[in-house]
Protein backbone atom coordinates (compact mmCIF):
# COMPACT_ATOMS: atom_id res chain seq x y z
CA UNK A 1 -129.79 104.12 93.49
CA UNK A 2 -130.18 101.54 90.73
CA UNK A 3 -126.40 101.02 90.66
CA UNK A 4 -126.40 100.47 94.42
CA UNK A 5 -129.22 97.95 94.14
CA UNK A 6 -127.33 96.12 91.39
CA UNK A 7 -124.16 96.07 93.51
CA UNK A 8 -126.15 94.76 96.49
CA UNK A 9 -127.71 92.00 94.36
CA UNK A 10 -124.29 91.04 92.95
CA UNK A 11 -122.86 90.86 96.46
CA UNK A 12 -125.70 88.62 97.61
CA UNK A 13 -125.28 86.37 94.56
CA UNK A 14 -121.51 86.09 95.14
CA UNK A 15 -121.99 85.40 98.86
CA UNK A 16 -124.66 82.77 98.14
CA UNK A 17 -122.38 81.11 95.59
CA UNK A 18 -119.47 81.07 98.04
CA UNK A 19 -121.68 79.62 100.77
CA UNK A 20 -122.99 76.93 98.41
CA UNK A 21 -119.40 76.02 97.49
CA UNK A 22 -118.37 75.79 101.13
CA UNK A 23 -121.32 73.51 101.85
CA UNK A 24 -120.45 71.17 98.98
CA UNK A 25 -119.37 67.76 100.22
CA UNK A 26 -115.63 67.21 100.29
CA UNK A 27 -113.78 63.94 100.27
CA UNK A 28 -112.85 62.86 103.78
CA UNK A 29 -109.18 63.31 104.63
CA UNK A 30 -107.37 60.05 105.21
CA UNK A 31 -106.30 59.63 108.84
CA UNK A 32 -102.82 60.91 109.68
CA UNK A 33 -100.11 58.52 110.81
CA UNK A 34 -100.66 59.69 114.40
CA UNK A 35 -104.39 59.00 114.07
CA UNK A 36 -103.61 55.52 112.73
CA UNK A 37 -101.13 54.73 115.49
CA UNK A 38 -102.94 56.09 118.53
CA UNK A 39 -106.13 57.91 117.59
CA UNK A 40 -108.38 55.11 118.79
CA UNK A 41 -106.95 54.99 122.32
CA UNK A 42 -105.35 58.43 122.76
CA UNK A 43 -107.17 60.86 120.46
CA UNK A 44 -105.82 63.98 122.21
CA UNK A 45 -102.23 62.73 121.86
CA UNK A 46 -102.83 62.12 118.14
CA UNK A 47 -104.39 65.58 117.79
CA UNK A 48 -101.42 67.23 119.54
CA UNK A 49 -99.01 65.29 117.34
CA UNK A 50 -100.80 66.49 114.22
CA UNK A 51 -101.54 70.07 115.19
CA UNK A 52 -98.69 71.08 117.51
CA UNK A 53 -95.70 68.89 116.64
CA UNK A 54 -96.14 68.52 112.89
CA UNK A 55 -98.54 71.41 112.32
CA UNK A 56 -96.57 74.03 114.26
CA UNK A 57 -93.08 72.97 115.38
CA UNK A 58 -92.06 71.25 112.14
CA UNK A 59 -93.39 74.22 110.13
CA UNK A 60 -91.49 76.94 111.99
CA UNK A 61 -89.15 78.88 109.70
CA UNK A 62 -86.14 78.86 112.07
CA UNK A 63 -84.81 75.51 110.78
CA UNK A 64 -85.20 73.79 107.46
CA UNK A 65 -87.08 70.49 107.58
CA UNK A 66 -83.85 68.76 106.57
CA UNK A 67 -82.13 70.16 109.67
CA UNK A 68 -85.10 69.31 111.88
CA UNK A 69 -84.86 65.75 110.58
CA UNK A 70 -81.17 65.52 111.48
CA UNK A 71 -81.85 66.87 114.97
CA UNK A 72 -84.75 64.47 115.49
CA UNK A 73 -82.87 61.44 114.17
CA UNK A 74 -79.92 62.31 116.43
CA UNK A 75 -82.16 62.60 119.48
CA UNK A 76 -83.88 59.29 118.74
CA UNK A 77 -80.53 57.54 118.30
CA UNK A 78 -79.26 59.04 121.55
CA UNK A 79 -82.34 57.84 123.42
CA UNK A 80 -82.31 54.45 121.63
CA UNK A 81 -85.84 54.74 120.26
CA UNK A 82 -85.81 52.38 117.24
CA UNK A 83 -89.57 52.40 116.66
CA UNK A 84 -89.70 56.16 116.18
CA UNK A 85 -86.31 56.16 114.43
CA UNK A 86 -87.70 54.06 111.57
CA UNK A 87 -90.30 56.60 110.57
CA UNK A 88 -87.99 59.57 111.14
CA UNK A 89 -85.23 58.05 109.00
CA UNK A 90 -87.75 57.70 106.18
CA UNK A 91 -88.91 61.29 106.76
CA UNK A 92 -85.29 62.50 106.84
CA UNK A 93 -84.73 60.99 103.40
CA UNK A 94 -87.91 62.68 102.15
CA UNK A 95 -86.58 65.95 103.61
CA UNK A 96 -83.33 65.66 101.66
CA UNK A 97 -80.94 63.93 104.07
CA UNK A 98 -78.82 61.44 102.11
CA UNK A 99 -78.18 57.90 103.33
CA UNK A 100 -74.45 58.66 103.54
CA UNK A 101 -75.18 61.65 105.80
CA UNK A 102 -77.34 59.53 108.07
CA UNK A 103 -74.55 56.96 108.42
CA UNK A 104 -72.06 59.77 109.16
CA UNK A 105 -74.36 61.14 111.85
CA UNK A 106 -74.71 57.67 113.39
CA UNK A 107 -70.92 57.18 113.33
CA UNK A 108 -70.35 60.50 115.10
CA UNK A 109 -73.10 59.76 117.61
CA UNK A 110 -71.40 56.48 118.53
CA UNK A 111 -68.86 58.57 120.44
CA UNK A 112 -71.43 60.83 122.12
CA UNK A 113 -74.53 58.65 122.54
CA UNK A 114 -72.88 55.27 123.02
CA UNK A 115 -71.71 52.46 120.81
CA UNK A 116 -74.73 50.19 121.42
CA UNK A 117 -77.13 52.99 120.41
CA UNK A 118 -75.19 53.57 117.20
CA UNK A 119 -75.06 49.86 116.34
CA UNK A 120 -78.82 49.59 116.92
CA UNK A 121 -79.37 52.68 114.74
CA UNK A 122 -77.33 51.18 111.91
CA UNK A 123 -79.55 48.09 111.99
CA UNK A 124 -82.64 50.28 111.76
CA UNK A 125 -81.07 52.38 108.98
CA UNK A 126 -80.24 49.23 106.99
CA UNK A 127 -83.86 48.12 107.29
CA UNK A 128 -85.22 51.54 106.23
CA UNK A 129 -82.75 51.93 103.34
CA UNK A 130 -83.68 48.50 101.95
CA UNK A 131 -87.38 49.38 101.97
CA UNK A 132 -86.96 52.24 99.49
């Protein structure tokens, strides 16, 4: 009986300590890039970008982040989306895609996505590579 009471008291003490820790103030998280870009006018879109696109899709185990970056960069070049391409080229480099590989991808895409799209992508790549 005494052992049970001691165990009960220890459990309460541990639970109270854990609750006190969880109530301790934490530093606010800085806003994500999506929150910075669109959170003020389109908060749901920013939330979906953070939680679904980057929180779920980019974290799926079926493709490495490096491969996801190559796919995304290729799609953005094909659709001629230079604004999004800038940030995804930088992310691709962070994810291990080398500058030479990016240029090779752009060269190949010139024949599938169109010469003007590839030329525009090279201009964006030059800009991103210089801003190391």
